[in-house]
N, C-alpha and C. Protein backbone atom coordinates (compact mmCIF):
# COMPACT_ATOMS: atom_id res chain seq x y z
N MET A 1 -27.91 -0.96 46.42
CA MET A 1 -27.75 0.24 45.63
C MET A 1 -29.11 0.66 45.08
N THR A 2 -29.22 1.93 44.96
CA THR A 2 -30.47 2.44 44.42
C THR A 2 -30.43 2.36 42.90
N LYS A 3 -31.59 2.50 42.31
CA LYS A 3 -31.69 2.43 40.85
C LYS A 3 -30.87 3.54 40.19
N LYS A 4 -30.85 4.72 40.80
CA LYS A 4 -30.12 5.86 40.24
C LYS A 4 -28.62 5.57 40.19
N ILE A 5 -28.06 5.01 41.25
CA ILE A 5 -26.64 4.69 41.31
C ILE A 5 -26.30 3.59 40.32
N LYS A 6 -27.17 2.57 40.21
CA LYS A 6 -26.96 1.50 39.24
C LYS A 6 -26.94 2.05 37.81
N LEU A 7 -27.84 2.99 37.51
CA LEU A 7 -27.90 3.59 36.19
C LEU A 7 -26.63 4.40 35.90
N ILE A 8 -26.17 5.17 36.87
CA ILE A 8 -24.95 5.97 36.70
C ILE A 8 -23.75 5.04 36.48
N MET A 9 -23.67 3.96 37.25
CA MET A 9 -22.56 3.00 37.10
C MET A 9 -22.60 2.34 35.71
N ALA A 10 -23.79 2.01 35.25
CA ALA A 10 -23.94 1.39 33.93
C ALA A 10 -23.49 2.35 32.84
N VAL A 11 -23.83 3.62 32.96
CA VAL A 11 -23.41 4.62 31.97
C VAL A 11 -21.90 4.78 32.00
N ILE A 12 -21.30 4.85 33.17
CA ILE A 12 -19.84 5.01 33.28
C ILE A 12 -19.11 3.81 32.68
N VAL A 13 -19.59 2.60 33.00
CA VAL A 13 -18.98 1.39 32.44
C VAL A 13 -19.13 1.37 30.91
N SER A 14 -20.29 1.75 30.43
CA SER A 14 -20.52 1.79 28.98
C SER A 14 -19.58 2.79 28.29
N LEU A 15 -19.44 3.96 28.88
CA LEU A 15 -18.53 4.96 28.31
C LEU A 15 -17.08 4.47 28.32
N ALA A 16 -16.68 3.85 29.42
CA ALA A 16 -15.31 3.33 29.52
C ALA A 16 -15.07 2.26 28.47
N MET A 17 -16.03 1.38 28.28
CA MET A 17 -15.88 0.32 27.27
C MET A 17 -15.85 0.92 25.86
N THR A 18 -16.64 1.93 25.60
CA THR A 18 -16.67 2.58 24.30
C THR A 18 -15.32 3.23 24.00
N VAL A 19 -14.78 3.95 24.97
CA VAL A 19 -13.47 4.59 24.80
C VAL A 19 -12.40 3.53 24.55
N PHE A 20 -12.44 2.45 25.30
CA PHE A 20 -11.47 1.37 25.14
C PHE A 20 -11.57 0.77 23.73
N MET A 21 -12.78 0.50 23.27
CA MET A 21 -12.97 -0.10 21.94
C MET A 21 -12.52 0.87 20.84
N LEU A 22 -12.78 2.16 21.00
CA LEU A 22 -12.32 3.14 20.01
C LEU A 22 -10.79 3.18 19.96
N PHE A 23 -10.18 3.12 21.12
CA PHE A 23 -8.72 3.12 21.17
C PHE A 23 -8.15 1.89 20.46
N ILE A 24 -8.69 0.72 20.76
CA ILE A 24 -8.23 -0.52 20.14
C ILE A 24 -8.45 -0.47 18.62
N SER A 25 -9.61 -0.01 18.19
CA SER A 25 -9.91 0.08 16.76
C SER A 25 -8.95 1.03 16.06
N ALA A 26 -8.71 2.17 16.65
CA ALA A 26 -7.79 3.15 16.04
C ALA A 26 -6.38 2.60 15.97
N PHE A 27 -5.98 1.87 16.98
CA PHE A 27 -4.62 1.33 17.00
C PHE A 27 -4.43 0.25 15.95
N PHE A 28 -5.36 -0.69 15.87
CA PHE A 28 -5.19 -1.82 14.95
C PHE A 28 -5.62 -1.52 13.53
N PHE A 29 -6.70 -0.78 13.35
CA PHE A 29 -7.22 -0.58 12.01
C PHE A 29 -6.81 0.75 11.40
N GLY A 30 -6.55 1.74 12.18
CA GLY A 30 -6.18 3.05 11.66
C GLY A 30 -4.69 3.30 11.67
N HIS A 31 -3.92 2.38 12.19
CA HIS A 31 -2.48 2.56 12.35
C HIS A 31 -1.79 2.86 11.03
N ASN A 32 -2.09 2.11 9.97
CA ASN A 32 -1.43 2.32 8.68
C ASN A 32 -1.82 3.64 8.05
N ASP A 33 -3.05 4.09 8.26
CA ASP A 33 -3.47 5.36 7.69
C ASP A 33 -2.76 6.53 8.36
N ILE A 34 -2.49 6.40 9.64
CA ILE A 34 -1.86 7.48 10.39
C ILE A 34 -0.40 7.62 9.99
N ASN A 35 0.29 6.51 9.76
CA ASN A 35 1.73 6.54 9.54
C ASN A 35 2.15 6.23 8.10
N THR A 36 1.35 6.58 7.11
CA THR A 36 1.79 6.34 5.73
C THR A 36 2.97 7.28 5.48
N GLY A 37 3.38 7.63 4.39
CA GLY A 37 4.49 8.54 4.20
C GLY A 37 5.82 7.92 4.53
N ALA A 38 6.53 8.45 5.54
CA ALA A 38 7.90 8.02 5.85
C ALA A 38 7.98 6.54 6.19
N GLU A 39 7.04 6.02 6.95
CA GLU A 39 7.09 4.61 7.32
C GLU A 39 6.95 3.73 6.09
N GLU A 40 6.08 4.13 5.15
CA GLU A 40 5.87 3.34 3.95
C GLU A 40 7.16 3.24 3.14
N VAL A 41 7.90 4.32 3.04
CA VAL A 41 9.16 4.30 2.31
C VAL A 41 10.19 3.43 3.03
N MET A 42 10.19 3.46 4.36
CA MET A 42 11.19 2.70 5.12
C MET A 42 10.98 1.19 5.00
N ILE A 43 9.72 0.73 4.94
CA ILE A 43 9.51 -0.70 4.93
C ILE A 43 9.50 -1.30 3.53
N ASN A 44 9.44 -0.48 2.49
CA ASN A 44 9.40 -0.98 1.13
C ASN A 44 10.74 -0.77 0.44
N LEU A 45 11.12 -1.73 -0.35
CA LEU A 45 12.28 -1.55 -1.22
C LEU A 45 11.84 -0.72 -2.41
N SER A 46 12.80 -0.29 -3.22
CA SER A 46 12.39 0.38 -4.45
C SER A 46 11.91 -0.68 -5.42
N TYR A 47 11.03 -0.28 -6.30
CA TYR A 47 10.49 -1.17 -7.32
C TYR A 47 10.88 -0.64 -8.69
N ILE A 48 11.13 -1.55 -9.61
CA ILE A 48 11.48 -1.14 -10.97
C ILE A 48 10.57 -1.89 -11.94
N LEU A 49 9.95 -1.12 -12.81
CA LEU A 49 9.12 -1.70 -13.87
C LEU A 49 9.96 -1.63 -15.14
N LYS A 50 10.22 -2.79 -15.75
CA LYS A 50 10.99 -2.79 -16.98
C LYS A 50 10.65 -4.01 -17.83
N ASP A 51 11.23 -4.03 -19.02
CA ASP A 51 10.99 -5.12 -19.95
C ASP A 51 11.73 -6.38 -19.49
N TYR A 52 11.06 -7.52 -19.65
CA TYR A 52 11.67 -8.81 -19.37
C TYR A 52 11.13 -9.78 -20.41
N ASN A 53 11.97 -10.12 -21.37
CA ASN A 53 11.59 -11.04 -22.45
C ASN A 53 10.34 -10.60 -23.20
N GLY A 54 10.20 -9.27 -23.39
CA GLY A 54 9.06 -8.75 -24.16
C GLY A 54 7.82 -8.46 -23.34
N TYR A 55 7.88 -8.63 -22.03
CA TYR A 55 6.73 -8.36 -21.16
C TYR A 55 7.11 -7.35 -20.09
N LEU A 56 6.10 -6.63 -19.58
CA LEU A 56 6.34 -5.77 -18.43
C LEU A 56 6.61 -6.66 -17.22
N ALA A 57 7.62 -6.30 -16.45
CA ALA A 57 7.97 -7.09 -15.28
C ALA A 57 8.34 -6.18 -14.13
N LEU A 58 8.08 -6.65 -12.92
CA LEU A 58 8.39 -5.89 -11.72
C LEU A 58 9.58 -6.51 -11.01
N PHE A 59 10.50 -5.67 -10.66
CA PHE A 59 11.71 -6.08 -9.95
C PHE A 59 11.76 -5.34 -8.62
N ARG A 60 12.32 -5.98 -7.61
CA ARG A 60 12.52 -5.33 -6.31
C ARG A 60 13.99 -5.02 -6.14
N GLY A 61 14.26 -3.78 -5.74
CA GLY A 61 15.63 -3.38 -5.49
C GLY A 61 16.52 -3.61 -6.71
N ASP A 62 17.68 -4.21 -6.50
CA ASP A 62 18.65 -4.43 -7.57
C ASP A 62 18.56 -5.84 -8.16
N SER A 63 17.49 -6.55 -7.89
CA SER A 63 17.36 -7.93 -8.36
C SER A 63 17.38 -8.00 -9.89
N LYS A 64 18.03 -9.01 -10.40
CA LYS A 64 18.07 -9.25 -11.85
C LYS A 64 16.94 -10.16 -12.30
N VAL A 65 16.27 -10.78 -11.34
CA VAL A 65 15.16 -11.70 -11.62
C VAL A 65 13.86 -11.03 -11.19
N PRO A 66 12.87 -10.94 -12.06
CA PRO A 66 11.61 -10.29 -11.66
C PRO A 66 10.86 -11.10 -10.62
N TYR A 67 10.16 -10.38 -9.73
CA TYR A 67 9.31 -11.10 -8.79
C TYR A 67 7.90 -11.23 -9.35
N LEU A 68 7.60 -10.50 -10.44
CA LEU A 68 6.30 -10.62 -11.09
C LEU A 68 6.43 -10.21 -12.55
N VAL A 69 5.97 -11.08 -13.44
CA VAL A 69 5.93 -10.76 -14.86
C VAL A 69 4.46 -10.56 -15.21
N LEU A 70 4.15 -9.39 -15.76
CA LEU A 70 2.77 -9.07 -16.13
C LEU A 70 2.44 -9.63 -17.50
N GLU A 71 1.18 -9.69 -17.83
CA GLU A 71 0.75 -10.23 -19.12
C GLU A 71 0.85 -9.20 -20.24
N THR A 72 1.20 -7.97 -19.92
CA THR A 72 1.26 -6.90 -20.90
C THR A 72 2.57 -6.97 -21.69
N ARG A 73 2.45 -7.08 -23.01
CA ARG A 73 3.64 -7.11 -23.88
C ARG A 73 4.13 -5.69 -24.10
N THR A 74 5.42 -5.49 -24.03
CA THR A 74 5.98 -4.15 -24.18
C THR A 74 5.86 -3.65 -25.62
N ILE A 75 5.73 -4.53 -26.58
CA ILE A 75 5.60 -4.12 -27.98
C ILE A 75 4.32 -3.31 -28.21
N PHE A 76 3.32 -3.50 -27.35
CA PHE A 76 2.05 -2.79 -27.50
C PHE A 76 2.04 -1.42 -26.81
N LEU A 77 3.10 -1.08 -26.10
CA LEU A 77 3.20 0.24 -25.47
C LEU A 77 3.55 1.27 -26.54
N ASN A 78 3.18 2.53 -26.28
CA ASN A 78 3.60 3.57 -27.22
C ASN A 78 5.11 3.74 -27.14
N GLU A 79 5.69 4.38 -28.13
CA GLU A 79 7.14 4.47 -28.25
C GLU A 79 7.79 5.10 -27.02
N TYR A 80 7.18 6.16 -26.50
CA TYR A 80 7.73 6.85 -25.33
C TYR A 80 7.76 5.92 -24.11
N ASP A 81 6.62 5.26 -23.82
CA ASP A 81 6.55 4.34 -22.68
C ASP A 81 7.48 3.16 -22.85
N ARG A 82 7.59 2.67 -24.08
CA ARG A 82 8.47 1.53 -24.35
C ARG A 82 9.92 1.89 -24.03
N LYS A 83 10.35 3.12 -24.39
CA LYS A 83 11.71 3.56 -24.08
C LYS A 83 11.91 3.65 -22.57
N LEU A 84 10.92 4.21 -21.87
CA LEU A 84 11.02 4.30 -20.41
C LEU A 84 11.15 2.92 -19.77
N VAL A 85 10.34 1.98 -20.27
CA VAL A 85 10.35 0.63 -19.71
C VAL A 85 11.67 -0.08 -19.99
N PHE A 86 12.22 0.11 -21.18
CA PHE A 86 13.50 -0.54 -21.49
C PHE A 86 14.62 0.02 -20.61
N ASP A 87 14.52 1.31 -20.26
CA ASP A 87 15.51 1.90 -19.34
C ASP A 87 15.23 1.50 -17.89
N GLY A 88 13.96 1.20 -17.59
CA GLY A 88 13.53 0.85 -16.23
C GLY A 88 12.98 2.07 -15.52
N ILE A 89 11.79 1.94 -15.00
CA ILE A 89 11.14 3.03 -14.26
C ILE A 89 11.16 2.65 -12.78
N SER A 90 11.79 3.46 -11.97
CA SER A 90 11.94 3.17 -10.55
C SER A 90 10.93 3.97 -9.73
N VAL A 91 10.28 3.30 -8.78
CA VAL A 91 9.38 3.96 -7.82
C VAL A 91 9.73 3.44 -6.43
N ARG A 92 9.33 4.20 -5.40
CA ARG A 92 9.75 3.85 -4.04
C ARG A 92 8.66 3.19 -3.21
N THR A 93 7.40 3.36 -3.56
CA THR A 93 6.33 2.81 -2.73
C THR A 93 5.39 1.96 -3.57
N GLU A 94 4.64 1.12 -2.88
CA GLU A 94 3.65 0.30 -3.58
C GLU A 94 2.55 1.16 -4.18
N ARG A 95 2.22 2.24 -3.53
CA ARG A 95 1.20 3.16 -4.05
C ARG A 95 1.64 3.71 -5.41
N GLU A 96 2.88 4.18 -5.50
CA GLU A 96 3.41 4.67 -6.78
C GLU A 96 3.45 3.55 -7.82
N LEU A 97 3.81 2.36 -7.38
CA LEU A 97 3.89 1.22 -8.27
C LEU A 97 2.52 0.89 -8.87
N HIS A 98 1.49 0.89 -8.04
CA HIS A 98 0.14 0.60 -8.54
C HIS A 98 -0.31 1.64 -9.56
N ARG A 99 0.00 2.90 -9.29
CA ARG A 99 -0.36 3.96 -10.25
C ARG A 99 0.38 3.77 -11.57
N LEU A 100 1.65 3.46 -11.50
CA LEU A 100 2.46 3.26 -12.70
C LEU A 100 1.93 2.10 -13.53
N ILE A 101 1.63 0.99 -12.88
CA ILE A 101 1.12 -0.19 -13.60
C ILE A 101 -0.22 0.15 -14.24
N GLU A 102 -1.06 0.87 -13.52
CA GLU A 102 -2.37 1.26 -14.06
C GLU A 102 -2.17 2.14 -15.30
N ASP A 103 -1.23 3.07 -15.23
CA ASP A 103 -0.97 3.94 -16.38
C ASP A 103 -0.45 3.15 -17.58
N MET A 104 0.39 2.18 -17.34
CA MET A 104 1.00 1.41 -18.43
C MET A 104 0.04 0.37 -19.03
N THR A 105 -0.82 -0.17 -18.21
CA THR A 105 -1.68 -1.26 -18.69
C THR A 105 -3.11 -0.83 -18.97
N GLY A 106 -3.48 0.37 -18.52
CA GLY A 106 -4.87 0.80 -18.64
C GLY A 106 -5.22 1.50 -19.86
């Protein structure tokens, strides 16, 4: 083969490998960013933030036992937030849950 043909073949192989790597990267690393929204709601249970023995606690679905008790005491919340927490604040996604916890503890 001539040098020109070898160079063209090297460029084609390089382009093919680049396209393949971009496809793999987008599939594995960008998959969650592409399908947030409906998929996120389908795979997550609802979360409830409420009082548990004087502390903020996170519950999943209809569970009576918290899966996480936070260090934040509900007595230190303002009156409005304390009432909401005693009634239980329900959110559907982890993103909403993180925002709620940040608002309550920040």
